[in-house]
Each structure stands twice: as structure tokens, then as C-alpha cells.
Protein backbone atom coordinates (compact mmCIF):
# COMPACT_ATOMS: atom_id res chain seq x y z
CA UNK A 1 -31.47 -4.20 13.08
CA UNK A 2 -31.45 -0.97 11.20
CA UNK A 3 -28.98 1.92 11.25
CA UNK A 4 -30.61 4.46 9.00
CA UNK A 5 -29.51 8.03 9.74
CA UNK A 6 -27.43 6.91 12.72
CA UNK A 7 -24.04 8.60 13.26
CA UNK A 8 -21.13 6.78 11.70
CA UNK A 9 -17.66 7.19 13.29
CA UNK A 10 -14.71 6.40 11.00
CA UNK A 11 -11.68 5.48 13.10
CA UNK A 12 -8.53 6.41 11.10
CA UNK A 13 -8.43 8.99 8.29
CA UNK A 14 -5.75 7.64 5.99
CA UNK A 15 -5.82 6.21 2.52
CA UNK A 16 -8.75 3.95 3.45
CA UNK A 17 -10.68 5.87 6.05
CA UNK A 18 -10.91 9.27 4.37
CA UNK A 19 -12.49 8.32 1.08
CA UNK A 20 -15.02 6.22 3.02
CA UNK A 21 -15.79 9.08 5.39
CA UNK A 22 -16.13 11.49 2.47
CA UNK A 23 -18.56 9.19 0.57
CA UNK A 24 -20.76 8.52 3.55
CA UNK A 25 -20.50 12.24 4.57
CA UNK A 26 -22.22 13.28 1.36
CA UNK A 27 -25.53 11.94 2.50
CA UNK A 28 -25.48 11.30 6.29
CA UNK A 29 -23.80 12.27 9.51
CA UNK A 30 -20.18 11.10 9.81
CA UNK A 31 -17.54 11.71 12.43
CA UNK A 32 -14.03 11.29 11.09
CA UNK A 33 -11.68 10.46 14.03
CA UNK A 34 -7.87 10.43 13.86
CA UNK A 35 -5.35 10.60 16.74
CA UNK A 36 -3.20 12.88 14.59
CA UNK A 37 -4.30 16.40 15.29
CA UNK A 38 -2.20 17.79 12.38
CA UNK A 39 -4.08 15.46 10.02
CA UNK A 40 -7.45 16.61 11.44
CA UNK A 41 -6.44 20.30 11.02
CA UNK A 42 -5.37 19.67 7.47
CA UNK A 43 -8.66 18.04 6.57
CA UNK A 44 -10.68 20.91 8.14
CA UNK A 45 -8.94 23.15 5.64
CA UNK A 46 -9.97 20.76 2.78
CA UNK A 47 -6.40 19.53 2.23
CA UNK A 48 -5.56 15.89 1.82
CA UNK A 49 -1.79 15.18 1.55
CA UNK A 50 -2.39 11.45 0.52
CA UNK A 51 -4.05 12.90 -2.75
CA UNK A 52 -6.76 10.33 -2.55
CA UNK A 53 -9.49 12.90 -2.16
CA UNK A 54 -9.72 16.34 -3.82
CA UNK A 55 -10.53 19.60 -2.03
CA UNK A 56 -13.84 19.63 -3.89
CA UNK A 57 -14.76 16.16 -2.72
CA UNK A 58 -14.00 17.23 0.85
CA UNK A 59 -16.35 20.23 0.44
CA UNK A 60 -19.13 17.99 -0.99
CA UNK A 61 -19.06 15.86 2.22
CA UNK A 62 -21.37 18.33 3.96
CA UNK A 63 -22.21 16.03 6.89
CA UNK A 64 -18.67 15.09 7.68
CA UNK A 65 -16.91 16.48 10.74
CA UNK A 66 -13.35 15.77 11.90
CA UNK A 67 -12.05 15.31 15.42
CA UNK A 68 -9.20 13.85 17.52
CA UNK A 69 -11.38 14.03 20.64
CA UNK A 70 -12.37 10.50 21.80
CA UNK A 71 -15.22 11.90 23.87
CA UNK A 72 -17.12 12.76 20.70
CA UNK A 73 -17.25 9.05 19.69
CA UNK A 74 -19.91 8.36 22.36
CA UNK A 75 -22.52 9.82 20.02
CA UNK A 76 -21.90 7.27 17.24
CA UNK A 77 -23.98 4.14 16.68
CA UNK A 78 -21.79 2.64 13.96
CA UNK A 79 -17.99 2.38 14.16
CA UNK A 80 -15.85 1.60 11.17
CA UNK A 81 -12.18 0.91 11.90
CA UNK A 82 -9.75 1.65 9.10
CA UNK A 83 -6.31 1.75 10.80
CA UNK A 84 -3.11 0.28 9.32
CA UNK A 85 -2.09 -3.30 9.95
CA UNK A 86 1.72 -3.28 9.29
CA UNK A 87 4.45 -5.85 10.03
CA UNK A 88 7.36 -5.50 12.43
CA UNK A 89 11.11 -5.92 11.62
CA UNK A 90 10.76 -9.75 11.87
CA UNK A 91 7.86 -9.69 9.38
CA UNK A 92 5.27 -10.51 12.09
CA UNK A 93 1.88 -8.85 12.29
CA UNK A 94 1.97 -5.63 14.22
CA UNK A 95 -1.58 -5.37 15.68
CA UNK A 96 -0.90 -2.42 17.95
CA UNK A 97 -2.84 0.13 15.79
CA UNK A 98 -5.78 -2.34 15.66
CA UNK A 99 -5.65 -3.06 19.35
CA UNK A 100 -5.45 0.63 20.19
CA UNK A 101 -8.38 1.47 17.93
CA UNK A 102 -10.43 -1.34 19.43
CA UNK A 103 -9.72 0.02 22.94
CA UNK A 104 -10.84 3.48 21.89
CA UNK A 105 -14.13 2.10 20.33
CA UNK A 106 -14.71 -0.15 23.31
CA UNK A 107 -14.73 2.86 25.65
CA UNK A 108 -17.36 4.54 23.52
CA UNK A 109 -19.67 1.58 22.96
CA UNK A 110 -23.33 1.51 23.83
CA UNK A 111 -25.89 -1.21 23.75
CA UNK A 112 -26.98 -2.08 20.22
CA UNK A 113 -23.91 -0.56 18.48
CA UNK A 114 -22.05 -2.26 15.67
CA UNK A 115 -18.30 -2.16 15.01
CA UNK A 116 -17.15 -2.84 11.45
CA UNK A 117 -13.43 -3.56 10.73
CA UNK A 118 -11.87 -2.79 7.29
CA UNK A 119 -8.21 -3.34 8.25
CA UNK A 120 -6.57 -6.30 6.51
CA UNK A 121 -5.98 -9.10 8.97
CA UNK A 122 -5.58 -12.91 9.10
CA UNK A 123 -8.71 -15.10 9.39
CA UNK A 124 -10.04 -15.05 12.84
CA UNK A 125 -8.42 -11.82 14.01
CA UNK A 126 -11.65 -9.84 14.40
CA UNK A 127 -13.28 -12.32 16.71
CA UNK A 128 -10.17 -13.59 18.49
CA UNK A 129 -8.30 -10.27 19.09
CA UNK A 130 -10.62 -7.35 18.59
CA UNK A 131 -13.91 -8.61 20.18
CA UNK A 132 -12.30 -9.43 23.53
CA UNK A 133 -10.87 -5.87 23.72
CA UNK A 134 -14.27 -4.37 22.84
CA UNK A 135 -15.94 -6.52 25.62
CA UNK A 136 -13.24 -5.58 28.14
CA UNK A 137 -13.50 -1.77 27.61
CA UNK A 138 -17.24 -1.63 27.17
CA UNK A 139 -18.37 -4.24 29.76
CA UNK A 140 -20.83 -5.53 27.18
CA UNK A 141 -21.34 -9.01 25.74
CA UNK A 142 -20.57 -9.73 22.09
CA UNK A 143 -23.66 -10.59 19.92
CA UNK A 144 -25.95 -9.73 22.88
CA UNK A 145 -25.17 -6.08 23.56
CA UNK A 146 -23.11 -5.15 20.50
CA UNK A 147 -22.29 -6.65 17.16
CA UNK A 148 -19.42 -6.73 14.67
CA UNK A 149 -18.86 -6.76 10.89
CA UNK A 150 -15.96 -7.12 8.58
CA UNK A 151 -15.80 -5.47 5.21
CA UNK A 152 -12.29 -5.46 3.84
CA UNK A 153 -10.91 -2.30 2.10
CA UNK A 154 -10.04 -2.53 -1.55
CA UNK A 155 -8.56 0.93 -1.99
CA UNK A 156 -5.80 1.19 -4.62
CA UNK A 157 -3.73 4.22 -3.72
CA UNK A 158 -3.21 6.62 -6.62
CA UNK A 159 -5.86 4.93 -8.81
CA UNK A 160 -8.35 7.48 -10.08
CA UNK A 161 -10.31 4.95 -12.04
CA UNK A 162 -10.98 2.10 -9.67
CA UNK A 163 -12.22 4.29 -6.81
CA UNK A 164 -14.18 3.31 -3.64
CA UNK A 165 -17.66 3.35 -5.03
CA UNK A 166 -16.69 1.45 -8.27
CA UNK A 167 -15.15 -1.60 -6.58
CA UNK A 168 -17.46 -4.40 -5.38
CA UNK A 169 -17.45 -4.59 -1.59
CA UNK A 170 -17.28 -7.73 0.47
CA UNK A 171 -19.45 -7.55 3.61
CA UNK A 172 -20.05 -9.79 6.58
CA UNK A 173 -21.51 -9.66 10.10
CA UNK A 174 -21.30 -11.58 13.39
CA UNK A 175 -25.03 -12.56 13.24
CA UNK A 176 -27.36 -12.93 10.17
CA UNK A 177 -29.09 -9.67 11.25
CA UNK A 178 -25.74 -7.90 11.52
CA UNK A 179 -24.65 -9.19 8.19
CA UNK A 180 -27.76 -7.70 6.54
CA UNK A 181 -27.27 -4.36 8.27
CA UNK A 182 -23.64 -4.18 7.23
CA UNK A 183 -24.47 -5.07 3.64
CA UNK A 184 -27.25 -2.48 3.45
CA UNK A 185 -24.98 0.12 4.90
CA UNK A 186 -22.35 -0.31 2.21
CA UNK A 187 -24.90 -0.74 -0.49
CA UNK A 188 -26.01 2.80 0.14
CA UNK A 189 -22.72 4.15 -1.22
CA UNK A 190 -21.05 1.37 -3.37
CA UNK A 191 -22.45 1.66 -6.90
CA UNK A 192 -20.60 -1.48 -7.96
CA UNK A 193 -22.67 -3.50 -5.43
CA UNK A 194 -21.72 -5.78 -2.50
CA UNK A 195 -21.00 -9.39 -1.86
CA UNK A 196 -22.22 -10.83 1.41
CA UNK A 197 -19.60 -13.49 2.64
CA UNK A 198 -20.73 -16.49 4.66
CA UNK A 199 -19.13 -15.10 7.80
CA UNK A 200 -16.40 -12.80 9.17
CA UNK A 201 -13.65 -15.41 8.81
CA UNK A 202 -14.44 -15.97 5.15
CA UNK A 203 -14.37 -12.21 4.49
CA UNK A 204 -11.02 -11.84 6.29
CA UNK A 205 -9.56 -14.83 4.34
CA UNK A 206 -10.83 -13.51 1.01
CA UNK A 207 -9.13 -10.17 1.54
CA UNK A 208 -5.77 -11.57 2.66
CA UNK A 209 -5.56 -14.03 -0.35
CA UNK A 210 -6.32 -11.30 -2.91
CA UNK A 211 -2.95 -9.70 -2.31
CA UNK A 212 -1.23 -13.00 -1.65
CA UNK A 213 -2.21 -14.24 -5.09
CA UNK A 214 -0.79 -11.04 -6.65
CA UNK A 215 2.40 -11.41 -4.67
CA UNK A 216 2.93 -14.99 -5.90
CA UNK A 217 2.22 -13.98 -9.53
CA UNK A 218 4.80 -11.18 -9.33
CA UNK A 219 7.25 -13.55 -7.61
CA UNK A 220 6.97 -15.94 -10.59
CA UNK A 221 7.74 -13.23 -13.15
CA UNK A 222 10.58 -11.98 -10.86
CA UNK A 223 12.18 -15.35 -10.86
CA UNK A 224 11.73 -15.64 -14.62
CA UNK A 225 13.45 -12.16 -14.99
CA UNK A 226 16.43 -13.44 -13.00
CA UNK A 227 16.64 -16.52 -15.24
CA UNK A 228 16.17 -14.59 -18.47
CA UNK A 229 18.90 -12.12 -17.44
CA UNK A 230 21.36 -15.04 -17.24
CA UNK A 231 20.23 -16.26 -20.62
CA UNK A 232 20.64 -12.77 -22.08
CA UNK A 233 16.96 -12.55 -22.97
CA UNK A 234 14.93 -9.41 -22.33
CA UNK A 235 12.10 -10.21 -19.96
CA UNK A 236 9.69 -7.56 -21.24
CA UNK A 237 10.06 -8.86 -24.74
CA UNK A 238 9.22 -12.37 -23.53
CA UNK A 239 6.20 -11.20 -21.58
CA UNK A 240 4.85 -9.12 -24.45
CA UNK A 241 5.18 -12.12 -26.75
CA UNK A 242 3.55 -14.48 -24.28
CA UNK A 243 0.86 -11.82 -23.62
CA UNK A 244 -0.63 -12.37 -27.09
CA UNK A 245 -2.40 -15.41 -25.69
CA UNK A 246 -5.83 -14.46 -24.36
CA UNK A 247 -5.37 -16.13 -20.99
CA UNK A 248 -1.82 -15.11 -20.15
CA UNK A 249 -1.82 -12.99 -17.00
CA UNK A 250 -0.05 -9.60 -17.64
CA UNK A 251 2.17 -9.40 -14.46
CA UNK A 252 5.45 -7.56 -14.65
CA UNK A 253 8.62 -7.99 -12.60
CA UNK A 254 9.60 -5.49 -10.04
CA UNK A 255 10.00 -4.49 -6.37
CA UNK A 256 7.01 -5.37 -4.22
CA UNK A 257 6.43 -2.88 -1.43
CA UNK A 258 3.62 -0.89 0.06
CA UNK A 259 1.21 -1.70 2.78
CA UNK A 260 -0.77 -4.46 1.00
CA UNK A 261 0.96 -6.92 -1.42
CA UNK A 262 4.32 -6.73 0.46
CA UNK A 263 2.66 -7.14 3.84
CA UNK A 264 -0.58 -9.27 3.71
CA UNK A 265 1.08 -12.64 2.96
CA UNK A 266 2.94 -12.38 6.24
CA UNK A 267 -0.43 -12.19 8.02
CA UNK A 268 -1.59 -15.35 6.34
CA UNK A 269 1.67 -17.28 7.06
CA UNK A 270 1.58 -16.08 10.66
CA UNK A 271 -1.95 -17.64 11.15
CA UNK A 272 -0.93 -20.74 9.16
CA UNK A 273 2.06 -21.35 11.55
CA UNK A 274 -0.20 -20.77 14.55
CA UNK A 275 -2.27 -23.78 13.54
CA UNK A 276 0.78 -25.87 12.77
CA UNK A 277 1.06 -25.46 9.00
CA UNK A 278 4.14 -24.08 7.47
CA UNK A 279 3.40 -22.71 3.96
CA UNK A 280 5.92 -23.33 1.31
CA UNK A 281 4.73 -21.47 -1.83
CA UNK A 282 3.65 -18.31 -0.04
CA UNK A 283 6.89 -18.02 1.88
CA UNK A 284 8.99 -18.74 -1.30
CA UNK A 285 7.17 -15.94 -3.11
CA UNK A 286 7.85 -13.45 -0.28
CA UNK A 287 11.60 -14.39 -0.28
CA UNK A 288 11.78 -13.82 -4.01
CA UNK A 289 10.12 -10.51 -3.97
CA UNK A 290 11.90 -9.19 -0.90
CA UNK A 291 15.20 -9.82 -2.55
CA UNK A 292 14.57 -7.93 -5.78
CA UNK A 293 15.80 -4.54 -4.53
CA UNK A 294 19.13 -5.90 -3.57
CA UNK A 295 19.26 -7.88 -6.82
CA UNK A 296 18.73 -4.73 -8.84
CA UNK A 297 21.35 -2.71 -6.84
CA UNK A 298 23.98 -5.45 -7.23
CA UNK A 299 23.38 -5.66 -10.95
CA UNK A 300 23.80 -1.93 -11.33
CA UNK A 301 27.08 -2.16 -9.38
CA UNK A 302 28.21 -5.11 -11.50
CA UNK A 303 27.59 -3.14 -14.69
CA UNK A 304 29.27 0.03 -13.27
CA UNK A 305 32.44 -1.99 -12.41
CA UNK A 306 32.36 -3.54 -15.93
CA UNK A 307 32.20 -0.07 -17.35
CA UNK A 308 35.23 1.09 -15.37
CA UNK A 309 33.33 3.27 -12.89
CA UNK A 310 34.89 3.57 -9.48
CA UNK A 311 31.91 2.46 -7.41
CA UNK A 312 33.22 3.62 -4.05
CA UNK A 313 33.61 7.10 -5.38
CA UNK A 314 30.61 7.31 -7.40
CA UNK A 315 27.28 9.16 -7.21
CA UNK A 316 24.09 7.34 -8.21
CA UNK A 317 20.75 9.05 -8.70
CA UNK A 318 17.60 7.24 -7.61
CA UNK A 319 14.39 8.63 -9.06
CA UNK A 320 11.39 7.73 -6.94
CA UNK A 321 11.04 6.47 -3.39
CA UNK A 322 7.25 6.02 -3.00
CA UNK A 323 6.07 2.44 -3.20
CA UNK A 324 4.16 3.01 -6.42
CA UNK A 325 3.73 5.58 -9.19
CA UNK A 326 1.87 8.88 -8.87
CA UNK A 327 1.26 8.41 -5.15
CA UNK A 328 2.88 9.95 -2.10
CA UNK A 329 2.68 6.79 -0.02
CA UNK A 330 6.27 5.70 1.24
CA UNK A 331 5.12 2.89 3.54
CA UNK A 332 7.27 -0.24 3.17
CA UNK A 333 9.04 1.10 0.05
CA UNK A 334 11.52 -1.33 -1.28
CA UNK A 335 13.46 1.42 -2.94
CA UNK A 336 14.91 1.98 0.58
CA UNK A 337 16.42 -1.51 0.42
CA UNK A 338 17.95 -0.60 -2.92
CA UNK A 339 19.48 2.63 -1.54
CA UNK A 340 20.90 0.78 1.52
CA UNK A 341 22.55 -1.74 -0.76
CA UNK A 342 24.24 1.02 -2.78
CA UNK A 343 25.42 2.71 0.49
CA UNK A 344 26.87 -0.51 1.65
CA UNK A 345 29.21 -0.40 -1.42
CA UNK A 346 30.23 3.21 -0.57
CA UNK A 347 28.01 4.77 -3.21
CA UNK A 348 26.82 8.38 -2.67
CA UNK A 349 23.09 8.19 -3.46
CA UNK A 350 21.02 11.21 -4.55
CA UNK A 351 17.27 10.53 -4.08
CA UNK A 352 14.43 12.55 -5.79
CA UNK A 353 10.75 12.14 -5.89
CA UNK A 354 8.01 14.73 -6.90
CA UNK A 355 5.36 13.04 -4.76
CA UNK A 356 7.06 12.09 -1.51
CA UNK A 357 7.10 14.37 1.49
CA UNK A 358 10.69 15.16 2.42
CA UNK A 359 10.02 15.46 6.08
CA UNK A 360 8.23 12.16 6.16
CA UNK A 361 11.01 10.44 4.26
CA UNK A 362 13.58 11.74 6.72
CA UNK A 363 11.54 10.64 9.77
CA UNK A 364 10.65 7.22 8.39
CA UNK A 365 14.01 6.26 6.73
CA UNK A 366 16.59 8.88 7.67
CA UNK A 367 16.98 9.77 3.94
CA UNK A 368 17.27 13.25 2.52
CA UNK A 369 15.20 14.03 -0.53
CA UNK A 370 17.04 16.17 -3.13
CA UNK A 371 15.96 18.45 -5.95
CA UNK A 372 15.86 17.21 -9.50
CA UNK A 373 18.84 19.52 -10.34
CA UNK A 374 20.99 17.65 -7.85
CA UNK A 375 21.09 14.69 -10.18
CA UNK A 376 23.39 16.64 -12.49
CA UNK A 377 26.81 14.95 -12.83
CA UNK A 378 25.78 11.51 -11.32
CA UNK A 379 27.61 8.47 -12.59
CA UNK A 380 24.58 6.29 -13.03
CA UNK A 381 20.79 6.52 -12.68
CA UNK A 382 18.11 4.27 -11.27
CA UNK A 383 14.51 4.97 -12.33
CA UNK A 384 12.82 3.12 -9.49
CA UNK A 385 9.15 4.35 -9.71
CA UNK A 386 7.08 4.88 -12.73
CA UNK A 387 5.78 8.38 -11.96
CA UNK A 388 4.21 10.07 -14.98
CA UNK A 389 6.88 12.81 -14.85
CA UNK A 390 9.57 10.15 -15.34
CA UNK A 391 7.54 8.30 -17.91
CA UNK A 392 7.19 11.44 -19.99
CA UNK A 393 10.87 12.34 -19.67
CA UNK A 394 13.07 11.98 -22.77
CA UNK A 395 16.03 9.68 -22.61
CA UNK A 396 18.26 12.45 -23.99
CA UNK A 397 17.45 14.41 -20.92
CA UNK A 398 18.48 11.64 -18.62
CA UNK A 399 21.67 11.15 -20.61
CA UNK A 400 22.66 14.85 -20.06
CA UNK A 401 22.50 14.24 -16.19
CA UNK A 402 25.17 11.55 -16.45
CA UNK A 403 28.89 12.34 -16.41
CA UNK A 404 30.43 8.88 -16.97
CA UNK A 405 31.60 7.87 -20.43
CA UNK A 406 29.71 4.59 -19.99
CA UNK A 407 26.88 5.26 -17.54
CA UNK A 408 24.43 2.72 -16.34
CA UNK A 409 20.66 3.33 -16.47
CA UNK A 410 18.54 1.07 -14.36
CA UNK A 411 15.06 1.28 -15.84
CA UNK A 412 13.28 -0.76 -13.23
CA UNK A 413 9.73 -0.03 -14.53
CA UNK A 414 10.60 -0.54 -18.19
CA UNK A 415 9.67 3.11 -19.06
CA UNK A 416 12.09 3.61 -21.89
CA UNK A 417 12.98 2.04 -25.22
CA UNK A 418 15.98 -0.20 -24.78
CA UNK A 419 17.26 0.30 -28.31
CA UNK A 420 17.18 4.08 -27.91
CA UNK A 421 19.07 3.78 -24.72
CA UNK A 422 21.71 1.67 -26.34
CA UNK A 423 22.08 4.15 -29.23
CA UNK A 424 22.69 6.89 -26.67
CA UNK A 425 25.48 4.90 -25.11
CA UNK A 426 23.63 3.88 -21.97
CA UNK A 427 24.22 0.52 -20.38
CA UNK A 428 20.71 -0.54 -19.57
CA UNK A 429 19.50 -2.80 -16.78
CA UNK A 430 15.89 -3.66 -16.20
CA UNK A 431 14.20 -6.59 -14.69
């Protein structure tokens, strides 16, 4: 089984699919498919609003074409599915994008084709959910007429150091021959090399536990920060002291959002409950991390009340709404939970972010993004995201925005010196 010089179709051109399409498109024919025509038009003009790929990189992908026309997929021999796998309001896996993409690919399948999934799922999802859809729409038989692979994405949005080609890639296939073909395909672009997993389920499980492990480590330091706050100990001071030991893991407390760490554990717990096991530690970590936004808002409100600020008549500035620094991605942003908590107390919230798209924020969360100048005269400030612009900002500049005699500054990413904040008359809160 060999797929040299065969057309690759990448299904989904977001944070994961576009960098992949660009890398393959530098040396071989690639069709980038997305159902969003606006996104396709944008990429044809060498523009990427996710900021994952530069205009120059898009121009270097000489063999990459973009389309929203499903009919063009019939020319492909290799299909790589990179659609989102979110959760619903009840924190259950929402597989609709994956199901829809599988239906689209199934209608374009030909004998001998291979379908590779990169979307994060629970162990068994590819073969239990996706394969039957491919069979239904193609009329072909799995592992006889077509084959599958699974190679989980490891993209870190906003990271310009650990990029696609520099991160070792897990690969797998539905037959030994398919596994070799998938591994060779990715080895052609991944300079860091590949790791061939025993089977598709192992590859799926490996991916989902990567982020579950990070989630639990952050949950631990979040719980410690709640404890240390009651003991009047600065958590960052404690972590820096403990970090002098060579094997201490450098996790920091904070809100855990985004489409990976804040989502993937729910996929694993869903599958666990399907087989009759109710996970304790994973679920506890999720509860801890999901509560941190409300915990932060309530502590800011407590300090404002203590400082004599009329909370119900106050204006609070929130700096940052993306789920992580220096990145425009707003999916599953926990800053939104923090804002809602403030609003429940009657606070007027002014939200700014130099990276987020105002229209997208309004469509997704019903929140208006304001200009930085609109923060003038707020009663308190919450620096919720560690954007470089905020990291480089002087505390004296933040102080000038505040009108209260005893304003509260919530430095949720520990960007500023707490002693300087105190000297400026700021009541500081940080995790």
C-alpha cells in the first residue's frame, strides 16, 4: 500500500487542518476543504485569521488549493479529517462535526482510499462511530475496500516554537499495511519523527490522556491556590520555591479553557461511563478547574466590598477574552464565566482584547468588545489573559485607568510584581 504523489484532501481548515495542508502543500498536491466559503476566500488571498500560518507560508504551499465544493473531493486518494470535537452544554461529546465530515468523505470514497482522523476523540470512536458512516455512504467494506488511520493532532495554538513539524507525531492504521502507509506519509513532513502506535484505539487513548494529565496537574495547583489564599500565602511564591527541586512540575494555577485541556477529559469520562466505570479523579479535576472563573470573580467582588466600592454600581475592566495568550481563539473561554459572574452581581463589565475578533465574540457569547480607551475610569481591573501587550504594560499605566481610591487588580496570570502593586495602592488578587 503506497500513496506517493496521490492527492491529499484535508477536511477542515482551522487551527489543525491549515498548518497540515500548508506543510504537505509545499511538496505535493493537496486539496484544502472547508464548508465555510468565507474561510476559503480568505485563504485564497493568503490571509489566515487564526494567525497559525503566515502569508508567506501560504504562498510557499505551491501545490495547495482551497475549496468548499464537495464534488472536488472525488479526486483525492487520501483524506485527513481535522474537524473540531467540542462538548455540548451538558459536557457530553458533540460528534456532529465529525459525523458530518465522515458523511462528506464517505460520499467521495473510492476503492483503495484511506481516511485518517486527527480530531481528538475517546478510544474506539474512529472504528465505532466514523467507520460505519464511511461504509454507509460509500457502499464499501472497511479494511477490504478502504482503510483508516488515526494520527492525533498536537497543535499548540499561538506557539511559534513547537510547531507542526517539530512535534513527534503518533500514527496508527486499521491494518499493518495501513499503519505503515500512514507512518510514511507523516514522516515525509514531520522532522521530529513519528511514533507508530499498536493500533487506532491506543493512538486515540494516548491523545486524550495527554490533555487529561495536564488538566489534573493544573487542578492540583488550583486547589492549592485556594488553600494558600485562606492561609494568606502567595501561591506563586510557593511554586517558585518548590520549583527549585529538579523534578517538581512547573504547573501554574488558572482558568482552564480552550478546545483541548478543558474538553478532552469529558471525552474520556464519557467513554468510561459507557463501559460502566465512573472516574473519580478525572471528574474531580474537571470540577475544580471549571469553578476557577467564578472563584476569581467572587474574590474580586469580596475585595471590592471590603474596599468600600459599591459593586452594583461599579465598572470592572476585563483584559483578555481568548482562551490563551497571543492567540485569537475564543473557543470555550472561561473568561466568559468570569464575566457572567460579575454581571450576576450587577457589575458593568468592559471587555478588551487585542487578538479576539469582535464580531466572533458577539456571535459566540453575545459580548461587546471595547477599545482600550474605554477602560478609563473603571473601578477595578481583571487581567485575565497573558497577552504580550499586557505583560509589557507598566503597572503605573494600569493604575491611571482606575478611579477608585482603593481599586482591586486581579492579576490572574501573575504578570506583575505584587510588591509594586501594593506600593501603588492596588489591592491585588491572583490565584
